Structures are given as structure tokens and as C-alpha cells.
Amino acid sequence: MTTKTIYQYLEQRHDKRSQELFVRGTGIRSSTIWHDRFVSRLSPDQIARDREIPVAAVYEALAYCQEDWENICREKDLEQQYLAQRGFFEEQSPDCS
């Protein structure tokens, strides 16, 4: 039997195509918090201050990312493919006429 984790600070945004959880009441993806922590190397306190969220929300988002990392990455790969198919990453040359 699988138990579903109940989050205090995270929620699914039904107005977004993503299944990834967001910080409740914001447009901040959990993976953005992960990026701030491990790529930008910000402390949890800095992230909370910069993003104006409780530090407990930062820790909850990091724990969620650790638990669901494979699904988050799979969804990001699909999003990248979707954008690539629509030419989002093609270099646009400036019109110099």
C-alpha cells in the first residue's frame, strides 16, 4: 500500500500543464527551489528571503524533489521536446534589412 504525502507548503497547480508541485500560493516550482539550492548554491535561508516564502517551504520543496526527482526530470524532458518541436530553441537571426 502506497501512502500519499501531505504537504503543508506545496500544491499542484491545475492551471499549469505540469504535474510538478509548486510552492502554495506562488508560481514557484519545487525544482526552482532545488536549482536555487544546488546550482546557484544559495542557503535555504537565502532562498526563503529572496523568494519571500517560509524556510520550511524551502525544505519541503527540496524533500519533494528528492522523492520525485525521476518524474520531475521526465516531465522537463517532455517539455523540452515539446518546445523543440515548435522551434522554440531555433536561433532567430535579426532582420537587418
Protein backbone atom coordinates (compact mmCIF):
# COMPACT_ATOMS: atom_id res chain seq x y z
CA MET A 1 0.00 0.00 0.00
CA THR A 2 1.35 3.40 -1.01
CA THR A 3 0.75 6.37 1.25
CA LYS A 4 0.36 9.80 -0.23
CA THR A 5 2.48 12.54 1.31
CA ILE A 6 0.53 15.52 2.53
CA TYR A 7 2.38 18.78 2.02
CA GLN A 8 1.83 21.91 4.03
CA TYR A 9 3.56 24.29 1.61
CA LEU A 10 3.29 22.55 -1.77
CA GLU A 11 0.38 22.14 -4.12
CA GLN A 12 -0.41 21.08 -7.64
CA ARG A 13 -1.38 23.97 -9.90
CA HIS A 14 -4.34 22.91 -12.03
CA ASP A 15 -3.87 25.99 -14.22
CA LYS A 16 -0.46 24.63 -15.30
CA ARG A 17 0.30 21.66 -17.55
CA SER A 18 2.88 20.46 -15.07
CA GLN A 19 2.33 17.69 -12.54
CA GLU A 20 5.22 19.09 -10.50
CA LEU A 21 4.28 20.67 -7.21
CA PHE A 22 4.55 24.43 -6.68
CA VAL A 23 5.02 26.42 -3.50
CA ARG A 24 1.44 27.10 -2.37
CA GLY A 25 0.09 30.49 -3.48
CA THR A 26 3.04 31.19 -5.79
CA GLY A 27 4.22 30.33 -9.26
CA ILE A 28 7.44 28.85 -7.86
CA ARG A 29 8.12 25.28 -8.96
CA SER A 30 9.75 22.95 -6.48
CA SER A 31 12.53 22.34 -8.99
CA THR A 32 13.24 26.08 -8.99
CA ILE A 33 13.95 25.82 -5.26
CA TRP A 34 16.23 22.84 -5.98
CA HIS A 35 18.03 24.89 -8.65
CA ASP A 36 18.48 27.80 -6.23
CA ARG A 37 19.97 25.45 -3.64
CA PHE A 38 22.23 23.19 -5.66
CA VAL A 39 23.05 25.12 -8.84
CA SER A 40 23.05 28.70 -7.55
CA ARG A 41 24.34 27.45 -4.18
CA LEU A 42 22.03 29.59 -2.07
CA SER A 43 21.33 28.59 1.51
CA PRO A 44 17.76 27.67 2.45
CA ASP A 45 17.55 30.92 4.45
CA GLN A 46 18.67 32.94 1.40
CA ILE A 47 16.15 31.20 -0.84
CA ALA A 48 13.34 31.85 1.64
CA ARG A 49 14.32 35.50 1.92
CA ASP A 50 14.80 36.04 -1.84
CA ARG A 51 11.58 34.28 -2.78
CA GLU A 52 9.58 35.59 0.20
CA ILE A 53 8.49 32.14 1.36
CA PRO A 54 8.89 30.35 4.70
CA VAL A 55 12.15 28.46 5.13
CA ALA A 56 10.04 25.39 5.96
CA ALA A 57 8.61 25.63 2.41
CA VAL A 58 12.15 25.53 1.04
CA TYR A 59 12.94 22.34 2.96
CA GLU A 60 9.64 20.78 1.94
CA ALA A 61 10.28 21.56 -1.75
CA LEU A 62 13.79 20.09 -1.52
CA ALA A 63 12.46 16.91 0.11
CA TYR A 64 9.75 16.61 -2.55
CA CYS A 65 12.34 16.98 -5.33
CA GLN A 66 14.47 14.26 -3.77
CA GLU A 67 11.46 11.93 -3.53
CA ASP A 68 10.07 12.59 -7.03
CA TRP A 69 13.20 13.51 -9.00
CA GLU A 70 12.72 10.94 -11.77
CA ASN A 71 9.21 12.20 -12.57
CA ILE A 72 10.31 15.83 -12.44
CA CYS A 73 13.15 15.12 -14.89
CA ARG A 74 10.88 13.09 -17.18
CA GLU A 75 8.38 15.94 -17.30
CA LYS A 76 11.10 18.51 -18.00
CA ASP A 77 12.43 16.33 -20.84
CA LEU A 78 8.94 16.15 -22.36
CA GLU A 79 8.55 19.91 -22.02
CA GLN A 80 11.88 20.46 -23.76
CA GLN A 81 10.87 18.13 -26.60
CA TYR A 82 7.54 19.94 -26.94
CA LEU A 83 9.29 23.31 -27.19
CA ALA A 84 11.93 22.00 -29.60
CA GLN A 85 9.23 20.61 -31.91
CA ARG A 86 7.73 24.08 -32.06
CA GLY A 87 11.05 25.73 -32.91
CA PHE A 88 11.47 27.45 -29.55
CA PHE A 89 15.22 26.80 -29.44
CA GLU A 90 15.96 27.71 -33.05
CA GLU A 91 18.20 30.71 -33.34
CA GLN A 92 16.42 33.69 -34.77
CA SER A 93 18.63 35.88 -36.90
CA PRO A 94 17.90 39.60 -36.57
CA ASP A 95 16.32 41.26 -39.58
CA CYS A 96 18.98 43.65 -40.83
CA SER A 97 17.21 44.95 -43.92
